[in-house]
Amino acid sequence: MNVLKSIFMPAEKALSEEMVRNESARLQLSSARLQRKMEETNFNSEVKKMDESLRVKQENFATSAKPMLDEFNSVSLAQHYYQEVLNTVASQSHLVSQIAEREFGQYGYISKKLVSFSLHFEVLKRRMTAGEPFNRELSRVLHDADSEDLNLVAAPLKQVDTIPSQAAARATAFDLAQAIMESGKAPAQEPVRGWLDLLKFRTSRNPVTLQQREASARRAAEALISYVKQGELHQALRHAEAVYGEMQHLGLANSLLLDNALVAFKEAVLPNIAADMLLRYSRASLNACRYACVEKMLSE
């Protein structure tokens, strides 16, 4: 129809109408493009909002799930440790059962008294090491051992209830070392003089001697601390008594501070030394009894 119209109408009018139609088509195309772009923008915005909402939900879920995951990990780890401990205890129990069966079945030399002595000795050792009262366990060990020598070794421990800790021994050793250094700084006491000594010219203090005393006291204190740190309490006590005797011989001042520090050090160290001697002697006696039982069984 448009072609027929263009044949029978002037060319200008046909061109004008064609341009109008083209412009209308162009406007429709632009409108369609704009609408499509707006729809695409809206779609992208909705997708972005959904992604952001999804991300927030994922983060919230991860945050809320983290304590449960941590708890689950803790439970899993505890279960793993429990299983490991259970396996270890089971294997040790089986090993102990095998050892007990072998000793009682094959060797059969351990008497009831020897077992009692061994058990009471281990309890005594544990309570002494833990600083707990041990008089009852000590009485049981002495009763099971039935040894005059062991009673003689244990005599000093019957006067105490607990063994001071190593920390207490180190603390008293530090106080004693401080007292030794303070005594080394103090001047020596002047001897009693008669009226003829007043006519003599002398100095009241020799700086060289004082410096030597300070250096000697510092070395003595360092040696004391070194002995205690190495666990050589008997050497530390012997060293402390030697230093105390030397300072008493020099007649140094501040003797009361040194006396109190030495007494506190002895109160902390002597029970430890006595306990160490008792435990060593008891262990040696227990081993000797076991060897004697084995020797007797083999000889029979």
C-alpha atoms as a PDB file:
ATOM      1  CA  MET A   1       0.000   0.000   0.000  1.00  0.00           C
ATOM      2  CA  ASN A   2       2.778   2.422   0.843  1.00  0.00           C
ATOM      3  CA  VAL A   3       4.476   1.571  -2.437  1.00  0.00           C
ATOM      4  CA  LEU A   4       1.301   2.349  -4.405  1.00  0.00           C
ATOM      5  CA  LYS A   5       0.885   5.601  -2.509  1.00  0.00           C
ATOM      6  CA  SER A   6       4.449   6.600  -3.299  1.00  0.00           C
ATOM      7  CA  ILE A   7       3.761   6.044  -7.008  1.00  0.00           C
ATOM      8  CA  PHE A   8       0.731   8.351  -7.198  1.00  0.00           C
ATOM      9  CA  MET A   9       1.887  11.089  -4.769  1.00  0.00           C
ATOM     10  CA  PRO A  10       4.586  13.640  -5.136  1.00  0.00           C
ATOM     11  CA  ALA A  11       8.116  12.604  -4.235  1.00  0.00           C
ATOM     12  CA  GLU A  12       8.506  15.281  -1.546  1.00  0.00           C
ATOM     13  CA  LYS A  13       5.426  14.154   0.306  1.00  0.00           C
ATOM     14  CA  ALA A  14       6.477  10.519   0.068  1.00  0.00           C
ATOM     15  CA  LEU A  15       9.940  11.394   1.345  1.00  0.00           C
ATOM     16  CA  SER A  16       8.443  13.390   4.181  1.00  0.00           C
ATOM     17  CA  GLU A  17       6.171  10.560   5.228  1.00  0.00           C
ATOM     18  CA  GLU A  18       9.043   8.087   5.005  1.00  0.00           C
ATOM     19  CA  MET A  19      11.179  10.315   7.194  1.00  0.00           C
ATOM     20  CA  VAL A  20       8.319  10.583   9.697  1.00  0.00           C
ATOM     21  CA  ARG A  21       8.008   6.803   9.761  1.00  0.00           C
ATOM     22  CA  ASN A  22      11.772   6.430  10.153  1.00  0.00           C
ATOM     23  CA  GLU A  23      11.823   8.949  12.980  1.00  0.00           C
ATOM     24  CA  SER A  24       8.939   7.142  14.679  1.00  0.00           C
ATOM     25  CA  ALA A  25      10.728   3.821  14.268  1.00  0.00           C
ATOM     26  CA  ARG A  26      13.931   5.383  15.614  1.00  0.00           C
ATOM     27  CA  LEU A  27      12.075   6.754  18.652  1.00  0.00           C
ATOM     28  CA  GLN A  28      10.488   3.389  19.285  1.00  0.00           C
ATOM     29  CA  LEU A  29      13.889   1.727  18.971  1.00  0.00           C
ATOM     30  CA  SER A  30      15.468   4.242  21.378  1.00  0.00           C
ATOM     31  CA  SER A  31      12.598   3.756  23.815  1.00  0.00           C
ATOM     32  CA  ALA A  32      12.995  -0.005  23.572  1.00  0.00           C
ATOM     33  CA  ARG A  33      16.747   0.298  24.116  1.00  0.00           C
ATOM     34  CA  LEU A  34      16.228   2.598  27.105  1.00  0.00           C
ATOM     35  CA  GLN A  35      13.655   0.279  28.586  1.00  0.00           C
ATOM     36  CA  ARG A  36      15.958  -2.695  28.050  1.00  0.00           C
ATOM     37  CA  LYS A  37      18.838  -0.827  29.672  1.00  0.00           C
ATOM     38  CA  MET A  38      16.666   0.106  32.653  1.00  0.00           C
ATOM     39  CA  GLU A  39      15.503  -3.479  32.981  1.00  0.00           C
ATOM     40  CA  GLU A  40      19.099  -4.667  32.776  1.00  0.00           C
ATOM     41  CA  THR A  41      20.143  -2.115  35.432  1.00  0.00           C
ATOM     42  CA  ASN A  42      17.289  -3.175  37.680  1.00  0.00           C
ATOM     43  CA  PHE A  43      18.193  -6.801  37.141  1.00  0.00           C
ATOM     44  CA  ASN A  44      21.848  -6.185  37.995  1.00  0.00           C
ATOM     45  CA  SER A  45      20.809  -4.208  41.068  1.00  0.00           C
ATOM     46  CA  GLU A  46      18.551  -7.023  42.219  1.00  0.00           C
ATOM     47  CA  VAL A  47      21.319  -9.560  41.613  1.00  0.00           C
ATOM     48  CA  LYS A  48      23.770  -7.406  43.568  1.00  0.00           C
ATOM     49  CA  LYS A  49      21.303  -7.067  46.439  1.00  0.00           C
ATOM     50  CA  MET A  50      20.744 -10.808  46.449  1.00  0.00           C
ATOM     51  CA  ASP A  51      24.512 -11.432  46.416  1.00  0.00           C
ATOM     52  CA  GLU A  52      25.005  -8.996  49.302  1.00  0.00           C
ATOM     53  CA  SER A  53      22.151 -10.574  51.248  1.00  0.00           C
ATOM     54  CA  LEU A  54      23.596 -14.007  50.587  1.00  0.00           C
ATOM     55  CA  ARG A  55      27.053 -12.859  51.722  1.00  0.00           C
ATOM     56  CA  VAL A  56      25.627 -11.377  54.941  1.00  0.00           C
ATOM     57  CA  LYS A  57      23.703 -14.560  55.629  1.00  0.00           C
ATOM     58  CA  GLN A  58      26.823 -16.636  54.999  1.00  0.00           C
ATOM     59  CA  GLU A  59      28.851 -14.463  57.379  1.00  0.00           C
ATOM     60  CA  ASN A  60      26.139 -14.642  60.039  1.00  0.00           C
ATOM     61  CA  PHE A  61      25.948 -18.373  59.613  1.00  0.00           C
ATOM     62  CA  ALA A  62      29.730 -18.708  59.883  1.00  0.00           C
ATOM     63  CA  THR A  63      29.758 -16.489  62.992  1.00  0.00           C
ATOM     64  CA  SER A  64      26.987 -18.464  64.672  1.00  0.00           C
ATOM     65  CA  ALA A  65      28.517 -21.781  63.632  1.00  0.00           C
ATOM     66  CA  LYS A  66      32.053 -20.951  64.851  1.00  0.00           C
ATOM     67  CA  PRO A  67      31.369 -21.694  68.574  1.00  0.00           C
ATOM     68  CA  MET A  68      29.724 -24.964  67.616  1.00  0.00           C
ATOM     69  CA  LEU A  69      32.669 -25.857  65.394  1.00  0.00           C
ATOM     70  CA  ASP A  70      35.108 -24.945  68.157  1.00  0.00           C
ATOM     71  CA  GLU A  71      33.128 -27.042  70.607  1.00  0.00           C
ATOM     72  CA  PHE A  72      33.066 -29.881  68.126  1.00  0.00           C
ATOM     73  CA  ASN A  73      36.825 -29.589  67.656  1.00  0.00           C
ATOM     74  CA  SER A  74      37.329 -29.577  71.430  1.00  0.00           C
ATOM     75  CA  VAL A  75      35.119 -32.635  71.806  1.00  0.00           C
ATOM     76  CA  SER A  76      36.947 -34.397  68.986  1.00  0.00           C
ATOM     77  CA  LEU A  77      40.323 -33.511  70.477  1.00  0.00           C
ATOM     78  CA  ALA A  78      39.210 -34.624  73.934  1.00  0.00           C
ATOM     79  CA  GLN A  79      37.900 -37.852  72.484  1.00  0.00           C
ATOM     80  CA  HIS A  80      41.223 -38.400  70.731  1.00  0.00           C
ATOM     81  CA  TYR A  81      43.179 -37.753  73.928  1.00  0.00           C
ATOM     82  CA  TYR A  82      40.806 -39.957  75.884  1.00  0.00           C
ATOM     83  CA  GLN A  83      41.308 -42.766  73.412  1.00  0.00           C
ATOM     84  CA  GLU A  84      45.083 -42.321  73.548  1.00  0.00           C
ATOM     85  CA  VAL A  85      45.052 -42.354  77.347  1.00  0.00           C
ATOM     86  CA  LEU A  86      42.731 -45.349  77.348  1.00  0.00           C
ATOM     87  CA  ASN A  87      45.041 -47.238  74.999  1.00  0.00           C
ATOM     88  CA  THR A  88      48.089 -46.295  77.063  1.00  0.00           C
ATOM     89  CA  VAL A  89      46.450 -47.339  80.318  1.00  0.00           C
ATOM     90  CA  ALA A  90      45.240 -50.568  78.755  1.00  0.00           C
ATOM     91  CA  SER A  91      48.710 -51.387  77.425  1.00  0.00           C
ATOM     92  CA  GLN A  92      50.343 -50.513  80.736  1.00  0.00           C
ATOM     93  CA  SER A  93      47.747 -52.525  82.619  1.00  0.00           C
ATOM     94  CA  HIS A  94      48.385 -55.481  80.353  1.00  0.00           C
ATOM     95  CA  LEU A  95      52.131 -55.070  80.783  1.00  0.00           C
ATOM     96  CA  VAL A  96      51.798 -54.825  84.557  1.00  0.00           C
ATOM     97  CA  SER A  97      49.577 -57.888  84.572  1.00  0.00           C
ATOM     98  CA  GLN A  98      52.137 -59.801  82.536  1.00  0.00           C
ATOM     99  CA  ILE A  99      54.966 -58.693  84.820  1.00  0.00           C
ATOM    100  CA  ALA A 100      52.957 -59.590  87.914  1.00  0.00           C
ATOM    101  CA  GLU A 101      52.032 -62.986  86.517  1.00  0.00           C
ATOM    102  CA  ARG A 102      55.629 -63.663  85.530  1.00  0.00           C
ATOM    103  CA  GLU A 103      57.018 -62.570  88.899  1.00  0.00           C
ATOM    104  CA  PHE A 104      54.412 -64.369  90.986  1.00  0.00           C
ATOM    105  CA  GLY A 105      54.175 -67.379  88.690  1.00  0.00           C
ATOM    106  CA  GLN A 106      57.814 -67.955  87.762  1.00  0.00           C
ATOM    107  CA  TYR A 107      59.830 -66.339  90.532  1.00  0.00           C
ATOM    108  CA  GLY A 108      57.385 -66.280  93.469  1.00  0.00           C
ATOM    109  CA  TYR A 109      59.964 -64.805  95.806  1.00  0.00           C
ATOM    110  CA  ILE A 110      58.274 -61.550  96.796  1.00  0.00           C
ATOM    111  CA  SER A 111      56.832 -61.939 100.249  1.00  0.00           C
ATOM    112  CA  LYS A 112      53.864 -60.035 101.652  1.00  0.00           C
ATOM    113  CA  LYS A 113      56.113 -57.938 103.866  1.00  0.00           C
ATOM    114  CA  LEU A 114      58.391 -56.986 100.961  1.00  0.00           C
ATOM    115  CA  VAL A 115      55.414 -55.889  98.849  1.00  0.00           C
ATOM    116  CA  SER A 116      54.035 -53.900 101.771  1.00  0.00           C
ATOM    117  CA  PHE A 117      57.416 -52.254 102.323  1.00  0.00           C
ATOM    118  CA  SER A 118      57.665 -51.318  98.644  1.00  0.00           C
ATOM    119  CA  LEU A 119      54.161 -49.836  98.517  1.00  0.00           C
ATOM    120  CA  HIS A 120      54.553 -47.915 101.759  1.00  0.00           C
ATOM    121  CA  PHE A 121      57.942 -46.654 100.589  1.00  0.00           C
ATOM    122  CA  GLU A 122      56.448 -45.253  97.376  1.00  0.00           C
ATOM    123  CA  VAL A 123      53.653 -43.555  99.332  1.00  0.00           C
ATOM    124  CA  LEU A 124      56.209 -42.129 101.768  1.00  0.00           C
ATOM    125  CA  LYS A 125      58.338 -40.829  98.906  1.00  0.00           C
ATOM    126  CA  ARG A 126      55.342 -39.203  97.229  1.00  0.00           C
ATOM    127  CA  ARG A 127      54.147 -37.489 100.402  1.00  0.00           C
ATOM    128  CA  MET A 128      57.648 -36.253 101.232  1.00  0.00           C
ATOM    129  CA  THR A 129      58.109 -34.877  97.740  1.00  0.00           C
ATOM    130  CA  ALA A 130      54.696 -33.187  97.841  1.00  0.00           C
ATOM    131  CA  GLY A 131      55.394 -31.593 101.240  1.00  0.00           C
ATOM    132  CA  GLU A 132      52.541 -33.469 102.938  1.00  0.00           C
ATOM    133  CA  PRO A 133      52.495 -35.015 106.446  1.00  0.00           C
ATOM    134  CA  PHE A 134      54.256 -38.377 106.358  1.00  0.00           C
ATOM    135  CA  ASN A 135      54.537 -39.607 109.967  1.00  0.00           C
ATOM    136  CA  ARG A 136      52.040 -42.449 109.468  1.00  0.00           C
ATOM    137  CA  GLU A 137      53.745 -43.652 106.277  1.00  0.00           C
ATOM    138  CA  LEU A 138      57.153 -43.392 107.960  1.00  0.00           C
ATOM    139  CA  SER A 139      55.949 -45.580 110.837  1.00  0.00           C
ATOM    140  CA  ARG A 140      54.643 -48.164 108.372  1.00  0.00           C
ATOM    141  CA  VAL A 141      57.902 -48.231 106.433  1.00  0.00           C
ATOM    142  CA  LEU A 142      59.930 -48.643 109.621  1.00  0.00           C
ATOM    143  CA  HIS A 143      57.575 -51.387 110.790  1.00  0.00           C
ATOM    144  CA  ASP A 144      57.855 -53.266 107.478  1.00  0.00           C
ATOM    145  CA  ALA A 145      61.627 -52.843 107.264  1.00  0.00           C
ATOM    146  CA  ASP A 146      62.237 -53.903 110.886  1.00  0.00           C
ATOM    147  CA  SER A 147      65.763 -52.488 110.658  1.00  0.00           C
ATOM    148  CA  GLU A 148      67.668 -50.747 113.432  1.00  0.00           C
ATOM    149  CA  ASP A 149      69.847 -48.944 110.904  1.00  0.00           C
ATOM    150  CA  LEU A 150      66.806 -47.557 109.107  1.00  0.00           C
ATOM    151  CA  ASN A 151      65.326 -46.451 112.431  1.00  0.00           C
ATOM    152  CA  LEU A 152      68.574 -44.644 113.179  1.00  0.00           C
ATOM    153  CA  VAL A 153      68.553 -42.903 109.787  1.00  0.00           C
ATOM    154  CA  ALA A 154      64.898 -41.908 110.217  1.00  0.00           C
ATOM    155  CA  ALA A 155      65.345 -40.546 113.756  1.00  0.00           C
ATOM    156  CA  PRO A 156      65.710 -36.858 112.686  1.00  0.00           C
ATOM    157  CA  LEU A 157      62.540 -37.052 110.587  1.00  0.00           C
ATOM    158  CA  LYS A 158      60.424 -38.131 113.542  1.00  0.00           C
ATOM    159  CA  GLN A 159      60.678 -34.575 114.854  1.00  0.00           C
ATOM    160  CA  VAL A 160      59.133 -32.935 111.766  1.00  0.00           C
ATOM    161  CA  ASP A 161      55.732 -33.225 110.125  1.00  0.00           C
ATOM    162  CA  THR A 162      56.471 -32.092 106.563  1.00  0.00           C
ATOM    163  CA  ILE A 163      59.474 -31.561 104.322  1.00  0.00           C
ATOM    164  CA  PRO A 164      60.005 -27.932 103.230  1.00  0.00           C
ATOM    165  CA  SER A 165      59.836 -27.426  99.489  1.00  0.00           C
ATOM    166  CA  GLN A 166      62.825 -26.677  97.286  1.00  0.00           C
ATOM    167  CA  ALA A 167      61.442 -23.180  96.802  1.00  0.00           C
ATOM    168  CA  ALA A 168      61.587 -22.602 100.560  1.00  0.00           C
ATOM    169  CA  ALA A 169      65.166 -23.876 100.652  1.00  0.00           C
ATOM    170  CA  ARG A 170      66.134 -21.525  97.819  1.00  0.00           C
ATOM    171  CA  ALA A 171      64.401 -18.599  99.520  1.00  0.00           C
ATOM    172  CA  THR A 172      66.196 -19.176 102.826  1.00  0.00           C
ATOM    173  CA  ALA A 173      69.464 -19.656 100.946  1.00  0.00           C
ATOM    174  CA  PHE A 174      68.946 -16.312  99.235  1.00  0.00           C
ATOM    175  CA  ASP A 175      68.248 -14.655 102.597  1.00  0.00           C
ATOM    176  CA  LEU A 176      71.362 -16.255 104.064  1.00  0.00           C
ATOM    177  CA  ALA A 177      73.425 -15.078 101.096  1.00  0.00           C
ATOM    178  CA  GLN A 178      72.127 -11.544 101.628  1.00  0.00           C
ATOM    179  CA  ALA A 179      73.006 -11.768 105.319  1.00  0.00           C
ATOM    180  CA  ILE A 180      76.509 -12.996 104.463  1.00  0.00           C
ATOM    181  CA  MET A 181      77.085 -10.063 102.104  1.00  0.00           C
ATOM    182  CA  GLU A 182      75.699  -7.594 104.643  1.00  0.00           C
ATOM    183  CA  SER A 183      77.957  -9.042 107.318  1.00  0.00           C
ATOM    184  CA  GLY A 184      80.910  -8.749 104.951  1.00  0.00           C
ATOM    185  CA  LYS A 185      80.189  -5.037 104.545  1.00  0.00           C
ATOM    186  CA  ALA A 186      80.029  -4.462 108.301  1.00  0.00           C
ATOM    187  CA  PRO A 187      83.191  -3.411 110.150  1.00  0.00           C
ATOM    188  CA  ALA A 188      84.853  -5.811 112.531  1.00  0.00           C
ATOM    189  CA  GLN A 189      84.163  -5.257 116.189  1.00  0.00           C
ATOM    190  CA  GLU A 190      86.983  -3.523 118.035  1.00  0.00           C
ATOM    191  CA  PRO A 191      88.598  -5.618 120.769  1.00  0.00           C
ATOM    192  CA  VAL A 192      88.455  -4.480 124.387  1.00  0.00           C
ATOM    193  CA  ARG A 193      91.486  -2.292 125.134  1.00  0.00           C
ATOM    194  CA  GLY A 194      93.087  -0.956 128.240  1.00  0.00           C
ATOM    195  CA  TRP A 195      94.049   2.600 129.054  1.00  0.00           C
ATOM    196  CA  LEU A 196      97.531   2.063 127.610  1.00  0.00           C
ATOM    197  CA  ASP A 197      95.991   1.334 124.200  1.00  0.00           C
ATOM    198  CA  LEU A 198      94.607   4.864 124.165  1.00  0.00           C
ATOM    199  CA  LEU A 199      98.157   6.199 123.873  1.00  0.00           C
ATOM    200  CA  LYS A 200      98.766   4.216 120.707  1.00  0.00           C
ATOM    201  CA  PHE A 201      98.008   5.712 117.329  1.00  0.00           C
ATOM    202  CA  ARG A 202      95.969   3.416 115.098  1.00  0.00           C
ATOM    203  CA  THR A 203      93.184   3.648 112.542  1.00  0.00           C
ATOM    204  CA  SER A 204      89.789   2.275 113.354  1.00  0.00           C
ATOM    205  CA  ARG A 205      89.323   0.622 109.966  1.00  0.00           C
ATOM    206  CA  ASN A 206      91.522  -0.786 107.229  1.00  0.00           C
ATOM    207  CA  PRO A 207      89.918  -0.111 103.810  1.00  0.00           C
ATOM    208  CA  VAL A 208      91.886  -2.888 102.109  1.00  0.00           C
ATOM    209  CA  THR A 209      90.773  -5.442 104.652  1.00  0.00           C
ATOM    210  CA  LEU A 210      87.162  -4.262 104.388  1.00  0.00           C
ATOM    211  CA  GLN A 211      87.201  -4.592 100.595  1.00  0.00           C
ATOM    212  CA  GLN A 212      88.719  -8.043 100.865  1.00  0.00           C
ATOM    213  CA  ARG A 213      86.023  -9.058 103.330  1.00  0.00           C
ATOM    214  CA  GLU A 214      83.306  -7.767 101.031  1.00  0.00           C
ATOM    215  CA  ALA A 215      84.744  -9.688  98.067  1.00  0.00           C
ATOM    216  CA  SER A 216      85.122 -12.835 100.155  1.00  0.00           C
ATOM    217  CA  ALA A 217      81.544 -12.522 101.445  1.00  0.00           C
ATOM    218  CA  ARG A 218      80.247 -12.018  97.910  1.00  0.00           C
ATOM    219  CA  ARG A 219      82.082 -15.130  96.693  1.00  0.00           C
ATOM    220  CA  ALA A 220      80.780 -17.118  99.647  1.00  0.00           C
ATOM    221  CA  ALA A 221      77.206 -16.009  98.933  1.00  0.00           C
ATOM    222  CA  GLU A 222      77.517 -16.893  95.240  1.00  0.00           C
ATOM    223  CA  ALA A 223      78.924 -20.319  96.109  1.00  0.00           C
ATOM    224  CA  LEU A 224      76.028 -20.920  98.502  1.00  0.00           C
ATOM    225  CA  ILE A 225      73.434 -20.040  95.864  1.00  0.00           C
ATOM    226  CA  SER A 226      75.243 -22.233  93.328  1.00  0.00           C
ATOM    227  CA  TYR A 227      75.173 -25.243  95.656  1.00  0.00           C
ATOM    228  CA  VAL A 228      71.463 -24.800  96.306  1.00  0.00           C
ATOM    229  CA  LYS A 229      70.605 -24.403  92.609  1.00  0.00           C
ATOM    230  CA  GLN A 230      72.496 -27.620  91.836  1.00  0.00           C
ATOM    231  CA  GLY A 231      70.570 -29.447  94.563  1.00  0.00           C
ATOM    232  CA  GLU A 232      73.692 -30.077  96.668  1.00  0.00           C
ATOM    233  CA  LEU A 233      72.059 -29.103  99.936  1.00  0.00           C
ATOM    234  CA  HIS A 234      74.569 -30.911 102.139  1.00  0.00           C
ATOM    235  CA  GLN A 235      77.422 -29.030 100.460  1.00  0.00           C
ATOM    236  CA  ALA A 236      75.476 -25.788 100.836  1.00  0.00           C
ATOM    237  CA  LEU A 237      74.955 -26.428 104.559  1.00  0.00           C
ATOM    238  CA  ARG A 238      78.608 -27.314 105.088  1.00  0.00           C
ATOM    239  CA  HIS A 239      79.662 -24.192 103.212  1.00  0.00           C
ATOM    240  CA  ALA A 240      77.236 -21.997 105.189  1.00  0.00           C
ATOM    241  CA  GLU A 241      78.509 -23.312 108.525  1.00  0.00           C
ATOM    242  CA  ALA A 242      82.121 -22.760 107.441  1.00  0.00           C
ATOM    243  CA  VAL A 243      81.380 -19.174 106.382  1.00  0.00           C
ATOM    244  CA  TYR A 244      79.476 -18.559 109.609  1.00  0.00           C
ATOM    245  CA  GLY A 245      82.394 -19.856 111.683  1.00  0.00           C
ATOM    246  CA  GLU A 246      84.840 -17.658 109.787  1.00  0.00           C
ATOM    247  CA  MET A 247      82.706 -14.556 110.306  1.00  0.00           C
ATOM    248  CA  GLN A 248      82.267 -15.347 113.979  1.00  0.00           C
ATOM    249  CA  HIS A 249      86.026 -15.664 114.281  1.00  0.00           C
ATOM    250  CA  LEU A 250      86.468 -12.242 112.680  1.00  0.00           C
ATOM    251  CA  GLY A 251      83.950 -10.771 115.109  1.00  0.00           C
ATOM    252  CA  LEU A 252      81.882  -9.010 112.456  1.00  0.00           C
ATOM    253  CA  ALA A 253      78.856  -6.925 113.311  1.00  0.00           C
ATOM    254  CA  ASN A 254      75.243  -7.775 112.300  1.00  0.00           C
ATOM    255  CA  SER A 255      75.686 -11.251 113.769  1.00  0.00           C
ATOM    256  CA  LEU A 256      72.010 -11.405 114.784  1.00  0.00           C
ATOM    257  CA  LEU A 257      70.873 -11.114 111.159  1.00  0.00           C
ATOM    258  CA  LEU A 258      73.325 -13.814 110.141  1.00  0.00           C
ATOM    259  CA  ASP A 259      72.271 -16.053 113.040  1.00  0.00           C
ATOM    260  CA  ASN A 260      68.596 -15.811 112.152  1.00  0.00           C
ATOM    261  CA  ALA A 261      69.252 -16.433 108.453  1.00  0.00           C
ATOM    262  CA  LEU A 262      71.411 -19.477 109.234  1.00  0.00           C
ATOM    263  CA  VAL A 263      68.776 -20.910 111.582  1.00  0.00           C
ATOM    264  CA  ALA A 264      66.054 -20.461 108.940  1.00  0.00           C
ATOM    265  CA  PHE A 265      68.297 -22.050 106.312  1.00  0.00           C
ATOM    266  CA  LYS A 266      68.984 -25.047 108.542  1.00  0.00           C
ATOM    267  CA  GLU A 267      65.285 -25.478 109.285  1.00  0.00           C
ATOM    268  CA  ALA A 268      64.571 -25.626 105.552  1.00  0.00           C
ATOM    269  CA  VAL A 269      67.587 -27.699 104.496  1.00  0.00           C
ATOM    270  CA  LEU A 270      68.101 -30.259 107.260  1.00  0.00           C
ATOM    271  CA  PRO A 271      64.729 -32.009 106.739  1.00  0.00           C
ATOM    272  CA  ASN A 272      65.448 -32.216 103.003  1.00  0.00           C
ATOM    273  CA  ILE A 273      68.869 -33.738 103.638  1.00  0.00           C
ATOM    274  CA  ALA A 274      67.451 -36.211 106.157  1.00  0.00           C
ATOM    275  CA  ALA A 275      64.619 -37.148 103.788  1.00  0.00           C
ATOM    276  CA  ASP A 276      67.059 -37.687 100.916  1.00  0.00           C
ATOM    277  CA  MET A 277      69.243 -39.919 103.101  1.00  0.00           C
ATOM    278  CA  LEU A 278      66.215 -41.914 104.272  1.00  0.00           C
ATOM    279  CA  LEU A 279      64.856 -42.408 100.761  1.00  0.00           C
ATOM    280  CA  ARG A 280      68.248 -43.453  99.423  1.00  0.00           C
ATOM    281  CA  TYR A 281      68.832 -45.875 102.285  1.00  0.00           C
ATOM    282  CA  SER A 282      65.297 -47.286 102.007  1.00  0.00           C
ATOM    283  CA  ARG A 283      65.665 -47.801  98.266  1.00  0.00           C
ATOM    284  CA  ALA A 284      69.014 -49.520  98.764  1.00  0.00           C
ATOM    285  CA  SER A 285      67.545 -51.736 101.508  1.00  0.00           C
ATOM    286  CA  LEU A 286      64.590 -52.643  99.300  1.00  0.00           C
ATOM    287  CA  ASN A 287      66.848 -53.569  96.391  1.00  0.00           C
ATOM    288  CA  ALA A 288      69.117 -55.559  98.695  1.00  0.00           C
ATOM    289  CA  CYS A 289      66.117 -57.516 100.004  1.00  0.00           C
ATOM    290  CA  ARG A 290      64.994 -58.271  96.480  1.00  0.00           C
ATOM    291  CA  TYR A 291      68.438 -59.429  95.421  1.00  0.00           C
ATOM    292  CA  ALA A 292      68.646 -61.586  98.534  1.00  0.00           C
ATOM    293  CA  CYS A 293      65.303 -63.209  97.699  1.00  0.00           C
ATOM    294  CA  VAL A 294      66.423 -63.915  94.134  1.00  0.00           C
ATOM    295  CA  GLU A 295      69.725 -65.326  95.326  1.00  0.00           C
ATOM    296  CA  LYS A 296      67.953 -67.545  97.836  1.00  0.00           C
ATOM    297  CA  MET A 297      65.533 -68.812  95.201  1.00  0.00           C
ATOM    298  CA  LEU A 298      68.336 -69.562  92.743  1.00  0.00           C
ATOM    299  CA  SER A 299      70.375 -71.325  95.398  1.00  0.00           C
ATOM    300  CA  GLU A 300      67.436 -73.592  96.209  1.00  0.00           C
END
